[in-house]
C-alpha atoms as a PDB file:
ATOM      1  CA  MET A   1     -48.022   3.099   1.862  1.00  0.00           C
ATOM      2  CA  LYS A   2     -46.723   1.782  -1.457  1.00  0.00           C
ATOM      3  CA  ARG A   3     -44.819   4.995  -2.076  1.00  0.00           C
ATOM      4  CA  PHE A   4     -43.353   4.778   1.441  1.00  0.00           C
ATOM      5  CA  LEU A   5     -42.081   1.216   0.938  1.00  0.00           C
ATOM      6  CA  ILE A   6     -40.607   2.056  -2.466  1.00  0.00           C
ATOM      7  CA  ALA A   7     -38.732   5.018  -1.022  1.00  0.00           C
ATOM      8  CA  LEU A   8     -37.382   2.936   1.868  1.00  0.00           C
ATOM      9  CA  MET A   9     -36.163   0.275  -0.545  1.00  0.00           C
ATOM     10  CA  LEU A  10     -34.514   2.998  -2.626  1.00  0.00           C
ATOM     11  CA  SER A  11     -32.867   4.350   0.520  1.00  0.00           C
ATOM     12  CA  LEU A  12     -31.446   0.940   1.357  1.00  0.00           C
ATOM     13  CA  VAL A  13     -30.115   0.366  -2.155  1.00  0.00           C
ATOM     14  CA  LEU A  14     -28.514   3.805  -2.365  1.00  0.00           C
ATOM     15  CA  THR A  15     -27.049   3.607   1.147  1.00  0.00           C
ATOM     16  CA  VAL A  16     -25.321   0.343   0.306  1.00  0.00           C
ATOM     17  CA  SER A  17     -24.242   1.212  -3.214  1.00  0.00           C
ATOM     18  CA  VAL A  18     -22.826   4.714  -2.688  1.00  0.00           C
ATOM     19  CA  PRO A  19     -20.103   3.759  -0.152  1.00  0.00           C
ATOM     20  CA  LEU A  20     -19.259   0.550  -2.027  1.00  0.00           C
ATOM     21  CA  ALA A  21     -18.139   2.624  -4.962  1.00  0.00           C
ATOM     22  CA  VAL A  22     -15.260   3.852  -2.793  1.00  0.00           C
ATOM     23  CA  CYS A  23     -14.360   0.968  -0.514  1.00  0.00           C
ATOM     24  CA  TYR A  24     -12.301  -0.943  -3.062  1.00  0.00           C
ATOM     25  CA  ALA A  25      -9.776   1.907  -3.220  1.00  0.00           C
ATOM     26  CA  ASN A  26      -9.273   1.950   0.524  1.00  0.00           C
ATOM     27  CA  SER A  27      -6.700  -0.082   2.461  1.00  0.00           C
ATOM     28  CA  GLY A  28      -6.480  -1.477   5.954  1.00  0.00           C
ATOM     29  CA  PRO A  29      -5.007   0.370   8.951  1.00  0.00           C
ATOM     30  CA  PRO A  30      -1.395  -0.245  10.002  1.00  0.00           C
ATOM     31  CA  PRO A  31      -0.948  -3.265  12.298  1.00  0.00           C
ATOM     32  CA  ALA A  32      -1.145  -2.371  15.983  1.00  0.00           C
ATOM     33  CA  ILE A  33      -1.339  -4.060  19.374  1.00  0.00           C
ATOM     34  CA  ILE A  34      -4.054  -2.630  21.615  1.00  0.00           C
ATOM     35  CA  ILE A  35      -4.353  -3.694  25.241  1.00  0.00           C
ATOM     36  CA  ALA A  36      -7.491  -2.767  27.200  1.00  0.00           C
ATOM     37  CA  VAL A  37      -7.290  -2.448  30.983  1.00  0.00           C
ATOM     38  CA  SER A  38     -10.391  -1.804  33.081  1.00  0.00           C
ATOM     39  CA  GLY A  39      -9.818   0.501  36.039  1.00  0.00           C
ATOM     40  CA  ALA A  40      -6.166   1.028  35.129  1.00  0.00           C
ATOM     41  CA  PRO A  41      -4.298   3.125  37.728  1.00  0.00           C
ATOM     42  CA  SER A  42      -2.580   6.268  36.492  1.00  0.00           C
ATOM     43  CA  ASP A  43       0.849   4.886  37.364  1.00  0.00           C
ATOM     44  CA  LEU A  44       0.455   1.668  35.345  1.00  0.00           C
ATOM     45  CA  LYS A  45       3.302   1.235  32.874  1.00  0.00           C
ATOM     46  CA  LEU A  46       3.338  -1.221  29.967  1.00  0.00           C
ATOM     47  CA  SER A  47       6.126  -1.978  27.535  1.00  0.00           C
ATOM     48  CA  ILE A  48       7.194  -4.532  24.922  1.00  0.00           C
ATOM     49  CA  GLY A  49      10.973  -4.631  24.770  1.00  0.00           C
ATOM     50  CA  THR A  50      12.050  -1.007  24.523  1.00  0.00           C
ATOM     51  CA  GLN A  51       8.722   0.187  23.098  1.00  0.00           C
ATOM     52  CA  THR A  52       6.145   2.030  25.187  1.00  0.00           C
ATOM     53  CA  PRO A  53       2.514   2.533  24.095  1.00  0.00           C
ATOM     54  CA  VAL A  54       0.269   5.519  23.613  1.00  0.00           C
ATOM     55  CA  ARG A  55      -2.315   5.578  26.400  1.00  0.00           C
ATOM     56  CA  GLU A  56      -5.963   6.514  25.827  1.00  0.00           C
ATOM     57  CA  ASP A  57      -8.070   6.894  28.982  1.00  0.00           C
ATOM     58  CA  LYS A  58     -11.830   6.498  28.707  1.00  0.00           C
ATOM     59  CA  PRO A  59     -14.475   6.593  31.481  1.00  0.00           C
ATOM     60  CA  PHE A  60     -14.400   2.841  32.120  1.00  0.00           C
ATOM     61  CA  THR A  61     -11.367   1.479  30.273  1.00  0.00           C
ATOM     62  CA  SER A  62      -7.833   2.543  29.404  1.00  0.00           C
ATOM     63  CA  TYR A  63      -6.274   1.518  26.093  1.00  0.00           C
ATOM     64  CA  PHE A  64      -2.541   1.037  25.521  1.00  0.00           C
ATOM     65  CA  ILE A  65      -1.679   1.209  21.813  1.00  0.00           C
ATOM     66  CA  PHE A  66       1.591  -0.154  20.406  1.00  0.00           C
ATOM     67  CA  ASP A  67       2.509   0.628  16.815  1.00  0.00           C
ATOM     68  CA  ARG A  68       3.305  -2.793  15.326  1.00  0.00           C
ATOM     69  CA  TYR A  69       5.912  -1.360  12.949  1.00  0.00           C
ATOM     70  CA  ASP A  70       7.973  -0.146  15.916  1.00  0.00           C
ATOM     71  CA  LEU A  71       8.218  -3.649  17.396  1.00  0.00           C
ATOM     72  CA  GLN A  72      10.821  -6.273  16.668  1.00  0.00           C
ATOM     73  CA  MET A  73       9.622  -9.811  15.904  1.00  0.00           C
ATOM     74  CA  SER A  74      11.805 -11.110  18.753  1.00  0.00           C
ATOM     75  CA  GLU A  75      10.008  -8.929  21.286  1.00  0.00           C
ATOM     76  CA  THR A  76       7.310 -11.241  22.625  1.00  0.00           C
ATOM     77  CA  GLY A  77       7.158 -10.261  26.288  1.00  0.00           C
ATOM     78  CA  LEU A  78       4.801  -7.699  27.788  1.00  0.00           C
ATOM     79  CA  GLN A  79       6.231  -5.983  30.851  1.00  0.00           C
ATOM     80  CA  VAL A  80       3.655  -4.746  33.366  1.00  0.00           C
ATOM     81  CA  ALA A  81       4.903  -2.345  36.029  1.00  0.00           C
ATOM     82  CA  LEU A  82       3.077  -0.993  39.071  1.00  0.00           C
ATOM     83  CA  PRO A  83       4.556   0.703  42.138  1.00  0.00           C
ATOM     84  CA  ASP A  84       4.036  -2.428  44.248  1.00  0.00           C
ATOM     85  CA  LYS A  85       4.622  -5.180  41.681  1.00  0.00           C
ATOM     86  CA  THR A  86       6.087  -6.016  38.294  1.00  0.00           C
ATOM     87  CA  PHE A  87       5.403  -9.043  36.105  1.00  0.00           C
ATOM     88  CA  ASN A  88       5.859 -10.283  32.545  1.00  0.00           C
ATOM     89  CA  LEU A  89       3.352 -11.894  30.195  1.00  0.00           C
ATOM     90  CA  THR A  90       3.736 -13.589  26.823  1.00  0.00           C
ATOM     91  CA  ILE A  91       2.215 -11.680  23.929  1.00  0.00           C
ATOM     92  CA  SER A  92       2.217 -12.354  20.197  1.00  0.00           C
ATOM     93  CA  THR A  93       3.570  -9.562  17.989  1.00  0.00           C
ATOM     94  CA  ASN A  94       2.795 -11.198  14.644  1.00  0.00           C
ATOM     95  CA  MET A  95       1.853  -9.037  11.665  1.00  0.00           C
ATOM     96  CA  THR A  96      -1.927  -8.987  11.943  1.00  0.00           C
ATOM     97  CA  TYR A  97      -4.336  -6.072  11.883  1.00  0.00           C
ATOM     98  CA  ARG A  98      -6.439  -6.788  14.940  1.00  0.00           C
ATOM     99  CA  ASN A  99      -4.167  -7.572  17.866  1.00  0.00           C
ATOM    100  CA  TYR A 100      -6.659  -6.878  20.643  1.00  0.00           C
ATOM    101  CA  PHE A 101      -5.997  -7.967  24.217  1.00  0.00           C
ATOM    102  CA  LYS A 102      -7.567  -7.553  27.629  1.00  0.00           C
ATOM    103  CA  LEU A 103      -5.253  -7.303  30.638  1.00  0.00           C
ATOM    104  CA  ASP A 104      -6.532  -8.317  34.080  1.00  0.00           C
ATOM    105  CA  LEU A 105      -4.252  -6.838  36.726  1.00  0.00           C
ATOM    106  CA  GLU A 106      -5.715  -8.870  39.596  1.00  0.00           C
ATOM    107  CA  THR A 107      -5.228 -12.280  38.007  1.00  0.00           C
ATOM    108  CA  GLN A 108      -2.212 -11.136  35.969  1.00  0.00           C
ATOM    109  CA  THR A 109      -3.613 -12.621  32.762  1.00  0.00           C
ATOM    110  CA  LEU A 110      -3.622 -11.394  29.191  1.00  0.00           C
ATOM    111  CA  THR A 111      -6.462 -12.580  26.942  1.00  0.00           C
ATOM    112  CA  ARG A 112      -6.820 -12.087  23.189  1.00  0.00           C
ATOM    113  CA  VAL A 113     -10.265 -10.705  22.261  1.00  0.00           C
ATOM    114  CA  GLU A 114     -12.041 -10.278  18.939  1.00  0.00           C
ATOM    115  CA  SER A 115     -13.147  -6.712  19.619  1.00  0.00           C
ATOM    116  CA  LEU A 116     -12.071  -4.049  22.051  1.00  0.00           C
ATOM    117  CA  PRO A 117     -14.001  -3.757  25.312  1.00  0.00           C
ATOM    118  CA  GLY A 118     -16.166  -0.659  25.096  1.00  0.00           C
ATOM    119  CA  THR A 119     -16.721  -0.838  21.342  1.00  0.00           C
ATOM    120  CA  GLU A 120     -19.516  -3.421  21.448  1.00  0.00           C
ATOM    121  CA  SER A 121     -21.998  -0.726  22.440  1.00  0.00           C
ATOM    122  CA  VAL A 122     -20.947   1.693  19.667  1.00  0.00           C
ATOM    123  CA  PRO A 123     -23.526   0.524  17.049  1.00  0.00           C
ATOM    124  CA  ALA A 124     -26.435   0.900  19.488  1.00  0.00           C
ATOM    125  CA  LEU A 125     -25.040   4.229  20.680  1.00  0.00           C
ATOM    126  CA  MET A 126     -24.801   5.445  17.078  1.00  0.00           C
ATOM    127  CA  ILE A 127     -28.478   4.669  16.453  1.00  0.00           C
ATOM    128  CA  ILE A 128     -29.685   6.187  19.739  1.00  0.00           C
ATOM    129  CA  LEU A 129     -27.676   9.401  19.332  1.00  0.00           C
ATOM    130  CA  THR A 130     -28.756   9.782  15.698  1.00  0.00           C
ATOM    131  CA  LEU A 131     -32.430   9.456  16.592  1.00  0.00           C
ATOM    132  CA  LEU A 132     -32.116  11.879  19.515  1.00  0.00           C
ATOM    133  CA  ILE A 133     -30.040  14.522  17.715  1.00  0.00           C
ATOM    134  CA  GLU A 134     -31.754  14.368  14.347  1.00  0.00           C
ATOM    135  CA  GLY A 135     -35.145  13.906  16.012  1.00  0.00           C
ATOM    136  CA  GLY A 136     -34.611  17.124  17.973  1.00  0.00           C
ATOM    137  CA  VAL A 137     -33.736  18.997  14.791  1.00  0.00           C
ATOM    138  CA  PHE A 138     -36.726  17.418  13.040  1.00  0.00           C
ATOM    139  CA  TYR A 139     -39.035  18.728  15.774  1.00  0.00           C
ATOM    140  CA  LEU A 140     -37.458  22.205  15.756  1.00  0.00           C
ATOM    141  CA  PHE A 141     -38.025  22.399  11.998  1.00  0.00           C
ATOM    142  CA  GLY A 142     -41.741  22.117  12.669  1.00  0.00           C
ATOM    143  CA  TYR A 143     -42.559  18.541  11.724  1.00  0.00           C
ATOM    144  CA  ARG A 144     -45.501  17.399  13.840  1.00  0.00           C
ATOM    145  CA  GLN A 145     -47.567  14.967  11.761  1.00  0.00           C
ATOM    146  CA  TRP A 146     -47.451  11.308  12.693  1.00  0.00           C
ATOM    147  CA  ARG A 147     -46.779  10.365   9.063  1.00  0.00           C
ATOM    148  CA  SER A 148     -43.711  12.620   9.021  1.00  0.00           C
ATOM    149  CA  TRP A 149     -42.330  10.939  12.150  1.00  0.00           C
ATOM    150  CA  GLN A 150     -42.944   7.492  10.678  1.00  0.00           C
ATOM    151  CA  ILE A 151     -40.882   8.551   7.653  1.00  0.00           C
ATOM    152  CA  PHE A 152     -38.191   9.968   9.942  1.00  0.00           C
ATOM    153  CA  LEU A 153     -37.888   6.728  11.926  1.00  0.00           C
ATOM    154  CA  GLY A 154     -37.985   4.487   8.866  1.00  0.00           C
ATOM    155  CA  VAL A 155     -35.376   6.385   6.858  1.00  0.00           C
ATOM    156  CA  ASN A 156     -32.991   6.864   9.791  1.00  0.00           C
ATOM    157  CA  LEU A 157     -33.147   3.239  10.903  1.00  0.00           C
ATOM    158  CA  VAL A 158     -32.400   2.052   7.370  1.00  0.00           C
ATOM    159  CA  THR A 159     -29.494   4.458   6.870  1.00  0.00           C
ATOM    160  CA  GLN A 160     -27.966   3.836  10.300  1.00  0.00           C
ATOM    161  CA  VAL A 161     -28.098   0.044   9.975  1.00  0.00           C
ATOM    162  CA  ALA A 162     -26.512   0.366   6.525  1.00  0.00           C
ATOM    163  CA  LEU A 163     -23.832   2.721   7.916  1.00  0.00           C
ATOM    164  CA  ILE A 164     -22.982   0.266  10.707  1.00  0.00           C
ATOM    165  CA  ALA A 165     -22.764  -2.550   8.149  1.00  0.00           C
ATOM    166  CA  TRP A 166     -20.503  -0.356   5.991  1.00  0.00           C
ATOM    167  CA  LEU A 167     -18.179   0.338   8.920  1.00  0.00           C
ATOM    168  CA  GLY A 168     -18.112  -3.360   9.766  1.00  0.00           C
ATOM    169  CA  GLN A 169     -15.667  -3.965  12.615  1.00  0.00           C
ATOM    170  CA  SER A 170     -14.191  -0.469  12.321  1.00  0.00           C
ATOM    171  CA  THR A 171     -16.069   0.762  15.389  1.00  0.00           C
ATOM    172  CA  SER A 172     -12.720   1.664  16.911  1.00  0.00           C
ATOM    173  CA  PHE A 173     -11.734   5.084  15.575  1.00  0.00           C
ATOM    174  CA  ILE A 174      -8.077   5.023  16.579  1.00  0.00           C
ATOM    175  CA  ASP A 175      -6.728   5.772  13.110  1.00  0.00           C
ATOM    176  CA  MET A 176      -7.527   7.937  10.116  1.00  0.00           C
ATOM    177  CA  TYR A 177      -8.666   4.922   8.079  1.00  0.00           C
ATOM    178  CA  ALA A 178     -11.703   4.321  10.270  1.00  0.00           C
ATOM    179  CA  ILE A 179     -12.473   8.045  10.507  1.00  0.00           C
ATOM    180  CA  PHE A 180     -12.246   8.333   6.717  1.00  0.00           C
ATOM    181  CA  GLY A 181     -14.618   5.370   6.380  1.00  0.00           C
ATOM    182  CA  LEU A 182     -17.095   7.079   8.713  1.00  0.00           C
ATOM    183  CA  ILE A 183     -16.970  10.327   6.741  1.00  0.00           C
ATOM    184  CA  VAL A 184     -17.491   8.501   3.424  1.00  0.00           C
ATOM    185  CA  GLY A 185     -20.399   6.578   4.946  1.00  0.00           C
ATOM    186  CA  GLU A 186     -21.952   9.777   6.281  1.00  0.00           C
ATOM    187  CA  ILE A 187     -21.751  11.346   2.817  1.00  0.00           C
ATOM    188  CA  GLY A 188     -23.691   8.366   1.492  1.00  0.00           C
ATOM    189  CA  VAL A 189     -26.245   8.726   4.293  1.00  0.00           C
ATOM    190  CA  PHE A 190     -26.621  12.433   3.509  1.00  0.00           C
ATOM    191  CA  ILE A 191     -27.337  11.728  -0.179  1.00  0.00           C
ATOM    192  CA  VAL A 192     -29.833   8.989   0.620  1.00  0.00           C
ATOM    193  CA  GLU A 193     -31.690  11.034   3.240  1.00  0.00           C
ATOM    194  CA  LEU A 194     -31.801  14.038   0.909  1.00  0.00           C
ATOM    195  CA  ILE A 195     -33.514  11.893  -1.738  1.00  0.00           C
ATOM    196  CA  ALA A 196     -35.766   9.959   0.661  1.00  0.00           C
ATOM    197  CA  PHE A 197     -37.039  12.959   2.625  1.00  0.00           C
ATOM    198  CA  GLY A 198     -37.426  14.915  -0.593  1.00  0.00           C
ATOM    199  CA  LEU A 199     -39.677  12.212  -2.028  1.00  0.00           C
ATOM    200  CA  LEU A 200     -41.660  11.361   1.091  1.00  0.00           C
ATOM    201  CA  LEU A 201     -42.146  14.432   3.272  1.00  0.00           C
ATOM    202  CA  ARG A 202     -45.114  16.596   2.452  1.00  0.00           C
ATOM    203  CA  GLU A 203     -45.591  18.568   5.667  1.00  0.00           C
ATOM    204  CA  ARG A 204     -43.105  21.333   4.800  1.00  0.00           C
ATOM    205  CA  GLY A 205     -41.562  22.829   1.685  1.00  0.00           C
ATOM    206  CA  PRO A 206     -38.488  21.535  -0.185  1.00  0.00           C
ATOM    207  CA  ILE A 207     -36.139  24.252   1.143  1.00  0.00           C
ATOM    208  CA  ARG A 208     -36.932  23.289   4.718  1.00  0.00           C
ATOM    209  CA  ARG A 209     -36.415  19.594   3.946  1.00  0.00           C
ATOM    210  CA  ILE A 210     -32.986  20.266   2.439  1.00  0.00           C
ATOM    211  CA  SER A 211     -32.027  22.534   5.336  1.00  0.00           C
ATOM    212  CA  TYR A 212     -33.140  19.909   7.843  1.00  0.00           C
ATOM    213  CA  VAL A 213     -31.097  17.126   6.232  1.00  0.00           C
ATOM    214  CA  MET A 214     -27.977  19.316   6.067  1.00  0.00           C
ATOM    215  CA  LEU A 215     -28.149  20.522   9.681  1.00  0.00           C
ATOM    216  CA  ALA A 216     -29.258  17.182  11.141  1.00  0.00           C
ATOM    217  CA  ASN A 217     -26.463  15.213   9.482  1.00  0.00           C
ATOM    218  CA  PHE A 218     -23.858  17.832  10.398  1.00  0.00           C
ATOM    219  CA  LEU A 219     -24.841  17.719  14.072  1.00  0.00           C
ATOM    220  CA  SER A 220     -25.159  13.942  14.059  1.00  0.00           C
ATOM    221  CA  LEU A 221     -21.656  13.505  12.635  1.00  0.00           C
ATOM    222  CA  PHE A 222     -19.797  15.968  14.839  1.00  0.00           C
ATOM    223  CA  VAL A 223     -21.821  16.079  18.074  1.00  0.00           C
ATOM    224  CA  GLY A 224     -22.671  12.373  18.024  1.00  0.00           C
ATOM    225  CA  GLY A 225     -19.142  11.473  16.968  1.00  0.00           C
ATOM    226  CA  TYR A 226     -17.692  13.478  19.832  1.00  0.00           C
ATOM    227  CA  ILE A 227     -19.967  11.827  22.408  1.00  0.00           C
ATOM    228  CA  ILE A 228     -19.052   8.361  21.115  1.00  0.00           C
ATOM    229  CA  SER A 229     -15.343   9.227  21.228  1.00  0.00           C
ATOM    230  CA  VAL A 230     -15.661  10.122  24.909  1.00  0.00           C
ATOM    231  CA  PHE A 231     -16.812   6.630  25.856  1.00  0.00           C
ATOM    232  CA  ALA A 232     -15.230   4.396  23.214  1.00  0.00           C
ATOM    233  CA  ILE A 233     -11.825   4.387  21.567  1.00  0.00           C
END
């Protein structure tokens, strides 16, 4: 038990410290205006002045993304066009990094929000998918002892919570900055899990432990990342 707690503490320290060695060299994403519309019809058109957005359709919400650098400071009106109606709304185009809005077509209102609708569930989805994907690989690699599964749950919960903390509010992967942050964080998770499972697992040999960590993290990053991208921007 003492060895288990020491290894978990080491995992937490390494998970936090490895990404932090890189984060100071990174910079923020370009300013953008993102407008979320639930149940947006396919013929909905938005524009600010002469600029039109890039549209990203997800299962429950559509996102309209304006590049802030393409906008003029004098352009403060959002034009909303549907086949049966057209209306204008006031929108701020100031130089900030998180211009998130929610557009309600029925009430014709535009509301500034702190985070994009659909991204609030990303942290929980990341943890659930990681446990399911990596847990399946863990089982296929022959780990059956209860102690091994306790180690699996403990290490993965620590690393995933640390990864979510590292990403912070960058749960919206609309630019390469956030994707780069995720990749750097996953590298840190890989290193920590390699050390933690190497120290703690006793059920199988070291080659199988290394192979498990490599395959599990690869599948978690790409398969889990793809599933998250389907539902959240």
